[in-house]
Amino acid sequence: MSTRVTAAVDRALDDRQREATAEVERILDAAVTVMARTAPDAPRVSDIVAEAGSSNKAFYRYFAGKDDVILAVMERGVGIVVSYLEHQLAKEATPAGKVARWIRGALAQVSDPHLLSLSRMASTQLGRSTDRRLSDDDILAPLRWLLVEPVTALGGDDPRRDVDLVFGCTLSTMRGYLNAGQRPKRADIDHLVAFCLRGLGV
């Protein structure tokens, strides 16, 4: 195949990729809007399609069904939080500082009223889903991975368990605020940070 032909094919594929990405983003944004409007009831695919200005054919080109789009919304949300936490951790020079930043950054997601609302909404829909792929462990794993390096650097005897405990304590605290629809106070966040760091021997 000539260079010009290859370049033409590549341009066409790039255009299709951009169009597909934009269409998926519209559907995900529409899903968030519909979930907020129908909460605590589950969103309907027809409502998501209408909100996105799309079609059933387009929706099912990308998603197997309602659970699949909710999973995608959750995964996109986790990706945004991971990017935010990576930026926060990069500001710290010490492992202990990175762990503290991770905890504070994770809890910041329920400190913002808008994020609190979105998190409660998505968590409710996830809990109601019958799709066995929708596992908290799988969805939230990228958040947990961010703890591995700083916790391991602290030199504990069992860093894997240390990571699990810091992650578990923080996640449990987040869920408590989500379920109550409340925002954590600064003193509560400080206490959790100090508690986890003591457990890590800092």
N, C-alpha and C. Protein backbone atom coordinates (compact mmCIF):
# COMPACT_ATOMS: atom_id res chain seq x y z
N MET A 1 0.85 -1.19 0.00
CA MET A 1 0.00 0.00 0.00
C MET A 1 0.89 1.25 0.00
N SER A 2 0.55 2.22 -0.83
CA SER A 2 1.38 3.41 -0.93
C SER A 2 1.26 4.26 0.33
N THR A 3 2.23 5.17 0.48
CA THR A 3 2.23 6.06 1.64
C THR A 3 1.00 6.94 1.64
N ARG A 4 0.59 7.45 0.46
CA ARG A 4 -0.58 8.32 0.38
C ARG A 4 -1.86 7.57 0.76
N VAL A 5 -1.95 6.33 0.31
CA VAL A 5 -3.14 5.52 0.64
C VAL A 5 -3.17 5.24 2.13
N THR A 6 -2.03 4.88 2.68
CA THR A 6 -1.95 4.61 4.12
C THR A 6 -2.34 5.85 4.92
N ALA A 7 -1.86 7.00 4.51
CA ALA A 7 -2.17 8.25 5.20
C ALA A 7 -3.66 8.55 5.12
N ALA A 8 -4.27 8.29 3.96
CA ALA A 8 -5.70 8.54 3.78
C ALA A 8 -6.53 7.62 4.68
N VAL A 9 -6.14 6.35 4.75
CA VAL A 9 -6.84 5.39 5.61
C VAL A 9 -6.70 5.80 7.08
N ASP A 10 -5.48 6.20 7.46
CA ASP A 10 -5.24 6.62 8.84
C ASP A 10 -6.09 7.83 9.21
N ARG A 11 -6.22 8.78 8.29
CA ARG A 11 -7.04 9.97 8.55
C ARG A 11 -8.50 9.59 8.75
N ALA A 12 -8.98 8.68 7.89
CA ALA A 12 -10.37 8.24 8.00
C ALA A 12 -10.62 7.53 9.33
N LEU A 13 -9.68 6.69 9.74
CA LEU A 13 -9.81 5.97 11.01
C LEU A 13 -9.76 6.94 12.18
N ASP A 14 -8.89 7.94 12.09
CA ASP A 14 -8.80 8.94 13.16
C ASP A 14 -10.11 9.70 13.29
N ASP A 15 -10.71 10.05 12.15
CA ASP A 15 -11.99 10.77 12.17
C ASP A 15 -13.07 9.92 12.84
N ARG A 16 -13.12 8.64 12.48
CA ARG A 16 -14.12 7.74 13.08
C ARG A 16 -13.89 7.58 14.58
N GLN A 17 -12.62 7.51 14.96
CA GLN A 17 -12.28 7.38 16.39
C GLN A 17 -12.76 8.60 17.16
N ARG A 18 -12.51 9.79 16.60
CA ARG A 18 -12.95 11.02 17.27
C ARG A 18 -14.47 11.09 17.36
N GLU A 19 -15.15 10.70 16.29
CA GLU A 19 -16.61 10.72 16.29
C GLU A 19 -17.17 9.74 17.31
N ALA A 20 -16.58 8.54 17.37
CA ALA A 20 -17.04 7.53 18.32
C ALA A 20 -16.81 7.99 19.76
N THR A 21 -15.63 8.58 20.01
CA THR A 21 -15.32 9.07 21.35
C THR A 21 -16.29 10.16 21.77
N ALA A 22 -16.58 11.08 20.86
CA ALA A 22 -17.51 12.16 21.16
C ALA A 22 -18.91 11.63 21.43
N GLU A 23 -19.32 10.62 20.67
CA GLU A 23 -20.65 10.06 20.85
C GLU A 23 -20.76 9.33 22.20
N VAL A 24 -19.73 8.59 22.56
CA VAL A 24 -19.71 7.90 23.85
C VAL A 24 -19.76 8.92 24.99
N GLU A 25 -18.99 9.99 24.88
CA GLU A 25 -18.99 11.02 25.92
C GLU A 25 -20.37 11.66 26.07
N ARG A 26 -21.05 11.89 24.95
CA ARG A 26 -22.41 12.45 25.02
C ARG A 26 -23.36 11.51 25.75
N ILE A 27 -23.22 10.22 25.47
CA ILE A 27 -24.08 9.23 26.12
C ILE A 27 -23.78 9.16 27.62
N LEU A 28 -22.50 9.21 27.99
CA LEU A 28 -22.13 9.15 29.41
C LEU A 28 -22.62 10.40 30.14
N ASP A 29 -22.45 11.57 29.52
CA ASP A 29 -22.95 12.80 30.13
C ASP A 29 -24.47 12.75 30.30
N ALA A 30 -25.13 12.21 29.29
CA ALA A 30 -26.59 12.08 29.36
C ALA A 30 -26.99 11.12 30.47
N ALA A 31 -26.23 10.03 30.64
CA ALA A 31 -26.53 9.06 31.69
C ALA A 31 -26.45 9.71 33.07
N VAL A 32 -25.43 10.55 33.27
CA VAL A 32 -25.27 11.25 34.55
C VAL A 32 -26.46 12.17 34.79
N THR A 33 -26.85 12.91 33.76
CA THR A 33 -27.98 13.84 33.87
C THR A 33 -29.27 13.09 34.21
N VAL A 34 -29.52 11.99 33.50
CA VAL A 34 -30.75 11.22 33.73
C VAL A 34 -30.72 10.56 35.10
N MET A 35 -29.57 10.04 35.52
CA MET A 35 -29.47 9.42 36.84
C MET A 35 -29.78 10.44 37.93
N ALA A 36 -29.30 11.67 37.76
CA ALA A 36 -29.58 12.72 38.74
C ALA A 36 -31.07 13.06 38.76
N ARG A 37 -31.70 13.01 37.62
CA ARG A 37 -33.11 13.38 37.51
C ARG A 37 -34.03 12.29 38.05
N THR A 38 -33.65 11.04 37.87
CA THR A 38 -34.54 9.93 38.24
C THR A 38 -34.22 9.33 39.61
N ALA A 39 -33.07 9.71 40.20
CA ALA A 39 -32.67 9.13 41.49
C ALA A 39 -33.79 9.28 42.52
N PRO A 40 -34.02 8.26 43.35
CA PRO A 40 -33.23 7.04 43.48
C PRO A 40 -33.62 5.93 42.51
N ASP A 41 -34.59 6.19 41.62
CA ASP A 41 -34.98 5.16 40.65
C ASP A 41 -33.90 5.00 39.59
N ALA A 42 -33.84 3.82 39.00
CA ALA A 42 -32.85 3.54 37.97
C ALA A 42 -33.19 4.28 36.68
N PRO A 43 -32.18 4.72 35.95
CA PRO A 43 -32.45 5.39 34.67
C PRO A 43 -32.91 4.39 33.62
N ARG A 44 -33.64 4.87 32.63
CA ARG A 44 -34.05 4.02 31.52
C ARG A 44 -33.18 4.34 30.31
N VAL A 45 -32.87 3.31 29.55
CA VAL A 45 -32.05 3.51 28.36
C VAL A 45 -32.70 4.52 27.42
N SER A 46 -34.02 4.44 27.27
CA SER A 46 -34.72 5.35 26.36
C SER A 46 -34.54 6.81 26.78
N ASP A 47 -34.52 7.05 28.10
CA ASP A 47 -34.33 8.41 28.59
C ASP A 47 -32.90 8.89 28.34
N ILE A 48 -31.94 8.00 28.52
CA ILE A 48 -30.53 8.34 28.27
C ILE A 48 -30.33 8.67 26.80
N VAL A 49 -30.91 7.85 25.94
CA VAL A 49 -30.78 8.06 24.49
C VAL A 49 -31.40 9.40 24.10
N ALA A 50 -32.57 9.70 24.65
CA ALA A 50 -33.24 10.97 24.33
C ALA A 50 -32.42 12.15 24.83
N GLU A 51 -31.87 12.06 26.02
CA GLU A 51 -31.08 13.14 26.59
C GLU A 51 -29.82 13.38 25.76
N ALA A 52 -29.24 12.31 25.25
CA ALA A 52 -28.01 12.41 24.45
C ALA A 52 -28.28 12.88 23.03
N GLY A 53 -29.57 12.88 22.62
CA GLY A 53 -29.89 13.21 21.23
C GLY A 53 -29.35 12.15 20.30
N SER A 54 -29.37 10.91 20.79
CA SER A 54 -28.78 9.80 20.04
C SER A 54 -29.88 8.84 19.60
N SER A 55 -29.53 7.60 19.41
CA SER A 55 -30.49 6.57 18.99
C SER A 55 -30.17 5.26 19.71
N ASN A 56 -31.16 4.37 19.76
CA ASN A 56 -30.93 3.07 20.37
C ASN A 56 -29.80 2.33 19.66
N LYS A 57 -29.77 2.46 18.34
CA LYS A 57 -28.72 1.79 17.56
C LYS A 57 -27.34 2.27 18.00
N ALA A 58 -27.20 3.59 18.16
CA ALA A 58 -25.92 4.14 18.59
C ALA A 58 -25.58 3.69 20.01
N PHE A 59 -26.59 3.73 20.89
CA PHE A 59 -26.35 3.33 22.28
C PHE A 59 -25.82 1.90 22.34
N TYR A 60 -26.51 0.98 21.66
CA TYR A 60 -26.13 -0.43 21.75
C TYR A 60 -24.91 -0.77 20.91
N ARG A 61 -24.44 0.20 20.13
CA ARG A 61 -23.17 0.02 19.43
C ARG A 61 -22.02 0.04 20.43
N TYR A 62 -22.22 0.79 21.51
CA TYR A 62 -21.15 0.98 22.49
C TYR A 62 -21.40 0.28 23.82
N PHE A 63 -22.67 0.11 24.19
CA PHE A 63 -23.00 -0.44 25.50
C PHE A 63 -23.98 -1.60 25.38
N ALA A 64 -23.76 -2.62 26.24
CA ALA A 64 -24.63 -3.79 26.21
C ALA A 64 -25.99 -3.51 26.83
N GLY A 65 -26.06 -2.50 27.69
CA GLY A 65 -27.32 -2.18 28.34
C GLY A 65 -27.11 -1.14 29.42
N LYS A 66 -28.12 -0.98 30.26
CA LYS A 66 -28.11 0.04 31.31
C LYS A 66 -26.95 -0.16 32.29
N ASP A 67 -26.76 -1.39 32.74
CA ASP A 67 -25.68 -1.66 33.70
C ASP A 67 -24.32 -1.31 33.10
N ASP A 68 -24.17 -1.57 31.83
CA ASP A 68 -22.91 -1.31 31.16
C ASP A 68 -22.59 0.18 31.13
N VAL A 69 -23.59 1.01 30.89
CA VAL A 69 -23.34 2.45 30.84
C VAL A 69 -23.10 3.00 32.25
N ILE A 70 -23.77 2.43 33.27
CA ILE A 70 -23.52 2.85 34.65
C ILE A 70 -22.09 2.50 35.04
N LEU A 71 -21.65 1.32 34.64
CA LEU A 71 -20.26 0.91 34.90
C LEU A 71 -19.28 1.88 34.24
N ALA A 72 -19.59 2.27 33.00
CA ALA A 72 -18.72 3.20 32.29
C ALA A 72 -18.68 4.56 32.98
N VAL A 73 -19.84 5.01 33.48
CA VAL A 73 -19.89 6.28 34.22
C VAL A 73 -19.00 6.19 35.46
N MET A 74 -19.10 5.08 36.18
CA MET A 74 -18.29 4.90 37.38
C MET A 74 -16.80 4.87 37.05
N GLU A 75 -16.46 4.13 36.00
CA GLU A 75 -15.05 4.01 35.62
C GLU A 75 -14.48 5.36 35.19
N ARG A 76 -15.28 6.13 34.46
CA ARG A 76 -14.82 7.46 34.05
C ARG A 76 -14.62 8.34 35.28
N GLY A 77 -15.54 8.25 36.23
CA GLY A 77 -15.41 9.03 37.46
C GLY A 77 -14.17 8.66 38.24
N VAL A 78 -13.91 7.36 38.34
CA VAL A 78 -12.71 6.90 39.06
C VAL A 78 -11.46 7.39 38.34
N GLY A 79 -11.48 7.37 37.02
CA GLY A 79 -10.33 7.85 36.25
C GLY A 79 -10.04 9.31 36.53
N ILE A 80 -11.08 10.12 36.67
CA ILE A 80 -10.90 11.54 36.98
C ILE A 80 -10.29 11.71 38.37
N VAL A 81 -10.79 10.91 39.33
CA VAL A 81 -10.26 10.99 40.70
C VAL A 81 -8.80 10.53 40.74
N VAL A 82 -8.48 9.47 39.99
CA VAL A 82 -7.10 8.98 39.94
C VAL A 82 -6.17 10.07 39.41
N SER A 83 -6.59 10.75 38.35
CA SER A 83 -5.77 11.83 37.78
C SER A 83 -5.56 12.94 38.82
N TYR A 84 -6.62 13.28 39.54
CA TYR A 84 -6.53 14.31 40.59
C TYR A 84 -5.57 13.87 41.69
N LEU A 85 -5.69 12.62 42.13
CA LEU A 85 -4.83 12.13 43.21
C LEU A 85 -3.37 12.03 42.77
N GLU A 86 -3.14 11.63 41.54
CA GLU A 86 -1.77 11.58 41.04
C GLU A 86 -1.13 12.97 41.10
N HIS A 87 -1.90 13.97 40.74
CA HIS A 87 -1.40 15.36 40.80
C HIS A 87 -1.11 15.76 42.25
N GLN A 88 -1.99 15.35 43.17
CA GLN A 88 -1.79 15.69 44.58
C GLN A 88 -0.57 14.99 45.16
N LEU A 89 -0.42 13.71 44.86
CA LEU A 89 0.70 12.94 45.40
C LEU A 89 2.04 13.46 44.87
N ALA A 90 2.03 14.00 43.65
CA ALA A 90 3.26 14.51 43.06
C ALA A 90 3.79 15.73 43.81
N LYS A 91 2.94 16.36 44.61
CA LYS A 91 3.37 17.54 45.37
C LYS A 91 4.15 17.17 46.63
N GLU A 92 4.12 15.89 46.99
CA GLU A 92 4.75 15.44 48.24
C GLU A 92 6.06 14.72 47.97
N ALA A 93 7.04 14.96 48.83
CA ALA A 93 8.35 14.34 48.66
C ALA A 93 8.50 13.07 49.48
N THR A 94 7.72 12.93 50.55
CA THR A 94 7.89 11.78 51.45
C THR A 94 6.74 10.78 51.29
N PRO A 95 7.01 9.50 51.57
CA PRO A 95 5.96 8.49 51.50
C PRO A 95 4.78 8.81 52.43
N ALA A 96 5.08 9.25 53.66
CA ALA A 96 4.02 9.58 54.62
C ALA A 96 3.17 10.73 54.09
N GLY A 97 3.84 11.72 53.50
CA GLY A 97 3.11 12.84 52.93
C GLY A 97 2.20 12.42 51.80
N LYS A 98 2.65 11.46 50.99
CA LYS A 98 1.84 10.96 49.88
C LYS A 98 0.61 10.20 50.39
N VAL A 99 0.79 9.40 51.43
CA VAL A 99 -0.34 8.67 52.01
C VAL A 99 -1.37 9.66 52.56
N ALA A 100 -0.89 10.67 53.27
CA ALA A 100 -1.79 11.68 53.83
C ALA A 100 -2.54 12.42 52.72
N ARG A 101 -1.82 12.76 51.64
CA ARG A 101 -2.45 13.44 50.51
C ARG A 101 -3.51 12.56 49.86
N TRP A 102 -3.20 11.26 49.78
CA TRP A 102 -4.15 10.32 49.16
C TRP A 102 -5.46 10.29 49.97
N ILE A 103 -5.32 10.18 51.29
CA ILE A 103 -6.51 10.11 52.14
C ILE A 103 -7.32 11.40 52.02
N ARG A 104 -6.65 12.53 52.12
CA ARG A 104 -7.35 13.82 52.04
C ARG A 104 -7.99 14.01 50.65
N GLY A 105 -7.26 13.60 49.62
CA GLY A 105 -7.78 13.75 48.27
C GLY A 105 -8.97 12.86 48.01
N ALA A 106 -8.92 11.64 48.55
CA ALA A 106 -10.06 10.72 48.39
C ALA A 106 -11.30 11.27 49.08
N LEU A 107 -11.12 11.77 50.30
CA LEU A 107 -12.26 12.30 51.04
C LEU A 107 -12.75 13.63 50.48
N ALA A 108 -11.92 14.29 49.70
CA ALA A 108 -12.35 15.54 49.06
C ALA A 108 -13.50 15.28 48.10
N GLN A 109 -13.62 14.03 47.64
CA GLN A 109 -14.69 13.69 46.70
C GLN A 109 -16.06 13.74 47.37
N VAL A 110 -16.09 13.62 48.69
CA VAL A 110 -17.38 13.74 49.38
C VAL A 110 -17.46 15.04 50.18
N SER A 111 -16.47 15.90 49.99
CA SER A 111 -16.50 17.21 50.63
C SER A 111 -17.18 18.24 49.72
N ASP A 112 -17.16 17.97 48.42
CA ASP A 112 -17.80 18.85 47.45
C ASP A 112 -19.26 18.43 47.28
N PRO A 113 -20.20 19.32 47.48
CA PRO A 113 -21.63 18.95 47.41
C PRO A 113 -22.03 18.30 46.09
N HIS A 114 -21.51 18.82 44.96
CA HIS A 114 -21.85 18.26 43.66
C HIS A 114 -21.29 16.86 43.51
N LEU A 115 -20.01 16.69 43.90
CA LEU A 115 -19.40 15.36 43.81
C LEU A 115 -20.06 14.39 44.77
N LEU A 116 -20.47 14.88 45.94
CA LEU A 116 -21.17 14.04 46.91
C LEU A 116 -22.47 13.51 46.29
N SER A 117 -23.20 14.39 45.64
CA SER A 117 -24.46 14.00 45.00
C SER A 117 -24.23 12.97 43.91
N LEU A 118 -23.23 13.22 43.05
CA LEU A 118 -22.94 12.29 41.97
C LEU A 118 -22.48 10.93 42.50
N SER A 119 -21.65 10.96 43.54
CA SER A 119 -21.13 9.71 44.12
C SER A 119 -22.25 8.88 44.74
N ARG A 120 -23.15 9.55 45.47
CA ARG A 120 -24.29 8.84 46.06
C ARG A 120 -25.16 8.21 44.99
N MET A 121 -25.40 8.96 43.95
CA MET A 121 -26.26 8.51 42.87
C MET A 121 -25.67 7.27 42.18
N ALA A 122 -24.39 7.35 41.81
CA ALA A 122 -23.75 6.24 41.13
C ALA A 122 -23.63 5.03 42.04
N SER A 123 -23.31 5.27 43.31
CA SER A 123 -23.19 4.18 44.27
C SER A 123 -24.52 3.45 44.46
N THR A 124 -25.61 4.20 44.49
CA THR A 124 -26.94 3.60 44.63
C THR A 124 -27.26 2.70 43.45
N GLN A 125 -27.00 3.21 42.25
CA GLN A 125 -27.28 2.44 41.04
C GLN A 125 -26.40 1.20 40.96
N LEU A 126 -25.15 1.35 41.36
CA LEU A 126 -24.22 0.22 41.35
C LEU A 126 -24.69 -0.87 42.30
N GLY A 127 -25.16 -0.47 43.49
CA GLY A 127 -25.62 -1.43 44.48
C GLY A 127 -26.86 -2.18 44.04
N ARG A 128 -27.68 -1.56 43.19
CA ARG A 128 -28.91 -2.20 42.73
C ARG A 128 -28.69 -3.10 41.52
N SER A 129 -27.54 -2.96 40.90
CA SER A 129 -27.31 -3.69 39.66
C SER A 129 -27.21 -5.19 39.91
N THR A 130 -27.69 -5.95 38.95
CA THR A 130 -27.57 -7.41 39.01
C THR A 130 -26.41 -7.89 38.15
N ASP A 131 -25.70 -6.95 37.55
CA ASP A 131 -24.56 -7.28 36.70
C ASP A 131 -23.37 -7.60 37.59
N ARG A 132 -22.92 -8.83 37.55
CA ARG A 132 -21.85 -9.26 38.45
C ARG A 132 -20.50 -8.64 38.11
N ARG A 133 -20.39 -7.98 36.95
CA ARG A 133 -19.14 -7.33 36.62
C ARG A 133 -18.95 -6.07 37.44
N LEU A 134 -20.04 -5.55 37.97
CA LEU A 134 -19.97 -4.27 38.67
C LEU A 134 -19.45 -4.47 40.09
N SER A 135 -18.17 -4.73 40.19
CA SER A 135 -17.53 -4.98 41.48
C SER A 135 -16.77 -3.75 41.95
N ASP A 136 -17.01 -3.37 43.21
CA ASP A 136 -16.26 -2.24 43.78
C ASP A 136 -14.75 -2.48 43.68
N ASP A 137 -14.33 -3.72 43.94
CA ASP A 137 -12.91 -4.02 43.93
C ASP A 137 -12.29 -3.72 42.57
N ASP A 138 -13.00 -4.12 41.50
CA ASP A 138 -12.48 -3.88 40.16
C ASP A 138 -12.50 -2.40 39.79
N ILE A 139 -13.62 -1.75 40.08
CA ILE A 139 -13.79 -0.34 39.70
C ILE A 139 -12.82 0.56 40.45
N LEU A 140 -12.63 0.30 41.73
CA LEU A 140 -11.81 1.17 42.57
C LEU A 140 -10.34 0.77 42.64
N ALA A 141 -9.98 -0.33 41.97
CA ALA A 141 -8.59 -0.81 42.03
C ALA A 141 -7.57 0.25 41.64
N PRO A 142 -7.81 1.08 40.61
CA PRO A 142 -6.81 2.11 40.28
C PRO A 142 -6.53 3.08 41.42
N LEU A 143 -7.54 3.33 42.26
CA LEU A 143 -7.32 4.19 43.42
C LEU A 143 -6.39 3.51 44.42
N ARG A 144 -6.62 2.23 44.64
CA ARG A 144 -5.81 1.46 45.58
C ARG A 144 -4.35 1.39 45.12
N TRP A 145 -4.14 1.23 43.82
CA TRP A 145 -2.78 1.10 43.29
C TRP A 145 -1.92 2.31 43.64
N LEU A 146 -2.54 3.47 43.74
CA LEU A 146 -1.77 4.68 44.05
C LEU A 146 -1.14 4.63 45.44
N LEU A 147 -1.69 3.78 46.31
CA LEU A 147 -1.15 3.67 47.66
C LEU A 147 0.03 2.71 47.75
N VAL A 148 0.17 1.83 46.79
CA VAL A 148 1.16 0.76 46.89
C VAL A 148 2.58 1.29 47.04
N GLU A 149 2.98 2.21 46.19
CA GLU A 149 4.36 2.71 46.24
C GLU A 149 4.69 3.44 47.54
N PRO A 150 3.88 4.44 47.96
CA PRO A 150 4.26 5.14 49.20
C PRO A 150 4.17 4.25 50.44
N VAL A 151 3.18 3.37 50.51
CA VAL A 151 3.05 2.49 51.68
C VAL A 151 4.22 1.51 51.72
N THR A 152 4.59 0.96 50.59
CA THR A 152 5.73 0.03 50.54
C THR A 152 7.02 0.74 50.95
N ALA A 153 7.15 2.00 50.53
CA ALA A 153 8.36 2.77 50.85
C ALA A 153 8.50 3.03 52.34
N LEU A 154 7.41 2.93 53.08
CA LEU A 154 7.48 3.14 54.54
C LEU A 154 8.11 1.95 55.26
N GLY A 155 8.25 0.84 54.55
CA GLY A 155 9.04 -0.28 55.08
C GLY A 155 8.34 -1.18 56.07
N GLY A 156 7.04 -1.26 56.03
CA GLY A 156 6.32 -2.17 56.92
C GLY A 156 6.57 -3.63 56.57
N ASP A 157 6.24 -4.54 57.50
CA ASP A 157 6.48 -5.97 57.29
C ASP A 157 5.55 -6.57 56.23
N ASP A 158 4.35 -6.00 56.09
CA ASP A 158 3.38 -6.56 55.15
C ASP A 158 2.68 -5.41 54.43
N PRO A 159 3.36 -4.83 53.44
CA PRO A 159 2.80 -3.65 52.77
C PRO A 159 1.47 -3.90 52.07
N ARG A 160 1.25 -5.11 51.59
CA ARG A 160 -0.03 -5.40 50.91
C ARG A 160 -1.19 -5.23 51.88
N ARG A 161 -1.04 -5.79 53.07
CA ARG A 161 -2.09 -5.64 54.07
C ARG A 161 -2.19 -4.21 54.56
N ASP A 162 -1.05 -3.54 54.65
CA ASP A 162 -1.07 -2.13 55.06
C ASP A 162 -1.89 -1.30 54.06
N VAL A 163 -1.65 -1.54 52.78
CA VAL A 163 -2.40 -0.84 51.73
C VAL A 163 -3.89 -1.13 51.85
N ASP A 164 -4.22 -2.41 52.06
CA ASP A 164 -5.62 -2.81 52.18
C ASP A 164 -6.30 -2.09 53.34
N LEU A 165 -5.59 -1.95 54.47
CA LEU A 165 -6.18 -1.33 55.65
C LEU A 165 -6.38 0.17 55.47
N VAL A 166 -5.39 0.85 54.90
CA VAL A 166 -5.54 2.29 54.65
C VAL A 166 -6.67 2.52 53.65
N PHE A 167 -6.67 1.73 52.59
CA PHE A 167 -7.70 1.84 51.57
C PHE A 167 -9.08 1.53 52.17
N GLY A 168 -9.15 0.45 52.96
CA GLY A 168 -10.42 0.05 53.55
C GLY A 168 -10.96 1.07 54.54
N CYS A 169 -10.09 1.62 55.39
CA CYS A 169 -10.53 2.64 56.36
C CYS A 169 -11.06 3.88 55.64
N THR A 170 -10.33 4.30 54.62
CA THR A 170 -10.74 5.51 53.89
C THR A 170 -12.04 5.27 53.13
N LEU A 171 -12.13 4.12 52.47
CA LEU A 171 -13.33 3.81 51.70
C LEU A 171 -14.55 3.67 52.61
N SER A 172 -14.36 3.03 53.75
CA SER A 172 -15.46 2.88 54.71
C SER A 172 -15.93 4.23 55.21
N THR A 173 -14.98 5.12 55.48
CA THR A 173 -15.33 6.47 55.92
C THR A 173 -16.10 7.21 54.83
N MET A 174 -15.64 7.11 53.59
CA MET A 174 -16.32 7.74 52.47
C MET A 174 -17.76 7.24 52.35
N ARG A 175 -17.93 5.92 52.47
CA ARG A 175 -19.27 5.34 52.33
C ARG A 175 -20.19 5.81 53.45
N GLY A 176 -19.62 5.96 54.64
CA GLY A 176 -20.43 6.46 55.74
C GLY A 176 -20.99 7.84 55.45
N TYR A 177 -20.15 8.71 54.90
CA TYR A 177 -20.62 10.05 54.54
C TYR A 177 -21.59 10.01 53.36
N LEU A 178 -21.30 9.14 52.40
CA LEU A 178 -22.20 9.01 51.25
C LEU A 178 -23.59 8.58 51.69
N ASN A 179 -23.63 7.55 52.53
CA ASN A 179 -24.93 7.02 52.99
C ASN A 179 -25.71 8.05 53.79
N ALA A 180 -24.97 8.87 54.54
CA ALA A 180 -25.63 9.89 55.37
C ALA A 180 -25.90 11.17 54.59
N GLY A 181 -25.29 11.29 53.41
CA GLY A 181 -25.44 12.52 52.64
C GLY A 181 -24.78 13.70 53.30
N GLN A 182 -23.71 13.42 54.05
CA GLN A 182 -23.02 14.47 54.79
C GLN A 182 -21.60 14.68 54.27
N ARG A 183 -21.05 15.85 54.57
CA ARG A 183 -19.68 16.17 54.20
C ARG A 183 -18.78 16.03 55.42
N PRO A 184 -17.58 15.45 55.26
CA PRO A 184 -16.68 15.29 56.42
C PRO A 184 -16.14 16.62 56.89
N LYS A 185 -15.96 16.74 58.20
CA LYS A 185 -15.36 17.94 58.77
C LYS A 185 -13.85 17.80 58.74
N ARG A 186 -13.18 18.94 58.73
CA ARG A 186 -11.71 18.94 58.66
C ARG A 186 -11.11 18.13 59.81
N ALA A 187 -11.67 18.26 61.01
CA ALA A 187 -11.14 17.53 62.16
C ALA A 187 -11.28 16.02 61.98
N ASP A 188 -12.37 15.59 61.34
CA ASP A 188 -12.57 14.16 61.10
C ASP A 188 -11.55 13.62 60.10
N ILE A 189 -11.27 14.42 59.07
CA ILE A 189 -10.28 14.01 58.08
C ILE A 189 -8.89 13.95 58.72
N ASP A 190 -8.56 14.96 59.52
CA ASP A 190 -7.27 14.98 60.22
C ASP A 190 -7.10 13.75 61.11
N HIS A 191 -8.20 13.38 61.78
CA HIS A 191 -8.14 12.23 62.68
C HIS A 191 -7.87 10.94 61.89
N LEU A 192 -8.55 10.79 60.75
CA LEU A 192 -8.35 9.59 59.94
C LEU A 192 -6.92 9.52 59.42
N VAL A 193 -6.38 10.65 58.97
CA VAL A 193 -5.00 10.69 58.48
C VAL A 193 -4.04 10.28 59.59
N ALA A 194 -4.21 10.87 60.77
CA ALA A 194 -3.32 10.55 61.89
C ALA A 194 -3.43 9.08 62.29
N PHE A 195 -4.66 8.57 62.30
CA PHE A 195 -4.91 7.16 62.66
C PHE A 195 -4.18 6.23 61.69
N CYS A 196 -4.32 6.48 60.39
CA CYS A 196 -3.68 5.61 59.39
C CYS A 196 -2.17 5.70 59.46
N LEU A 197 -1.64 6.89 59.65
CA LEU A 197 -0.20 7.05 59.71
C LEU A 197 0.38 6.37 60.96
N ARG A 198 -0.35 6.43 62.07
CA ARG A 198 0.10 5.71 63.27
C ARG A 198 0.14 4.22 63.01
N GLY A 199 -0.89 3.73 62.31
CA GLY A 199 -0.93 2.30 61.99
C GLY A 199 0.22 1.88 61.08
N LEU A 200 0.71 2.81 60.27
CA LEU A 200 1.83 2.53 59.38
C LEU A 200 3.18 2.76 60.07
N GLY A 201 3.13 3.13 61.35
CA GLY A 201 4.37 3.32 62.10
C GLY A 201 5.03 4.66 61.89
N VAL A 202 4.25 5.64 61.42
CA VAL A 202 4.84 6.99 61.16
C VAL A 202 4.63 7.87 62.38
